[in-house]
């Protein structure tokens, strides 16, 4: 059931909740990269029930609970 709900995110552009995005944004700024709160979901890790997303050149692994806009 959980995998089915996670699959709905595949191929979609999502935004992350503010707390998670701020953490990622700080990491990006240390590397000199400007980052917007817009990520493409490219894979679902079924073992840990997480979404694997890309934004700019960053790969992030987040929970579906961290997604606030699809």
Protein backbone atom coordinates (compact mmCIF):
# COMPACT_ATOMS: atom_id res chain seq x y z
CA UNK A 1 0.00 0.00 0.00
CA UNK A 2 2.77 2.48 0.93
CA UNK A 3 4.69 1.69 -2.27
CA UNK A 4 1.58 2.39 -4.31
CA UNK A 5 1.19 5.84 -2.74
CA UNK A 6 4.89 6.62 -3.23
CA UNK A 7 4.70 5.67 -6.90
CA UNK A 8 2.29 8.55 -7.48
CA UNK A 9 5.24 10.94 -7.03
CA UNK A 10 7.45 9.40 -9.75
CA UNK A 11 8.21 11.84 -12.55
CA UNK A 12 6.58 14.75 -10.74
CA UNK A 13 8.05 18.04 -9.70
CA UNK A 14 7.57 18.60 -5.97
CA UNK A 15 8.32 21.20 -3.32
CA UNK A 16 9.62 20.30 0.12
CA UNK A 17 8.48 21.58 3.49
CA UNK A 18 10.33 24.66 4.69
CA UNK A 19 12.45 22.96 7.36
CA UNK A 20 13.82 20.29 5.03
CA UNK A 21 14.37 22.75 2.21
CA UNK A 22 16.31 25.15 4.44
CA UNK A 23 18.68 22.33 5.45
CA UNK A 24 19.30 21.43 1.82
CA UNK A 25 19.62 25.08 0.81
CA UNK A 26 22.32 25.70 3.43
CA UNK A 27 24.29 22.71 2.17
CA UNK A 28 23.95 23.99 -1.41
CA UNK A 29 25.07 27.52 -0.51
CA UNK A 30 28.24 26.16 1.12
CA UNK A 31 29.04 24.62 -2.27
CA UNK A 32 28.23 27.86 -4.09
CA UNK A 33 25.00 26.64 -5.69
CA UNK A 34 21.74 28.58 -5.75
CA UNK A 35 18.82 26.24 -5.17
CA UNK A 36 15.09 26.64 -5.67
CA UNK A 37 12.46 24.63 -3.86
CA UNK A 38 11.62 22.52 -6.89
CA UNK A 39 12.70 18.88 -7.20
CA UNK A 40 12.05 16.09 -9.68
CA UNK A 41 11.17 12.72 -8.16
CA UNK A 42 13.16 10.15 -10.12
CA UNK A 43 12.98 7.04 -7.98
CA UNK A 44 11.24 5.43 -5.03
CA UNK A 45 13.36 3.46 -2.57
CA UNK A 46 10.91 0.82 -1.42
CA UNK A 47 13.23 -0.60 1.25
CA UNK A 48 13.21 2.62 3.26
CA UNK A 49 10.02 4.19 1.85
CA UNK A 50 11.78 7.33 0.63
CA UNK A 51 11.66 9.46 -2.50
CA UNK A 52 14.86 10.17 -4.40
CA UNK A 53 14.75 13.64 -5.94
CA UNK A 54 17.01 15.90 -7.95
CA UNK A 55 17.16 19.68 -7.89
CA UNK A 56 19.97 21.59 -9.59
CA UNK A 57 22.87 19.21 -9.10
CA UNK A 58 21.69 17.92 -5.76
CA UNK A 59 20.34 14.47 -5.06
CA UNK A 60 18.14 14.36 -1.97
CA UNK A 61 16.35 11.50 -0.26
CA UNK A 62 13.17 12.53 1.54
CA UNK A 63 10.05 11.08 3.03
CA UNK A 64 6.68 11.67 1.39
CA UNK A 65 5.79 13.58 4.56
CA UNK A 66 8.43 16.17 3.56
CA UNK A 67 6.62 16.90 0.29
CA UNK A 68 4.16 19.79 0.55
CA UNK A 69 3.28 20.46 -3.08
CA UNK A 70 2.94 18.18 -6.06
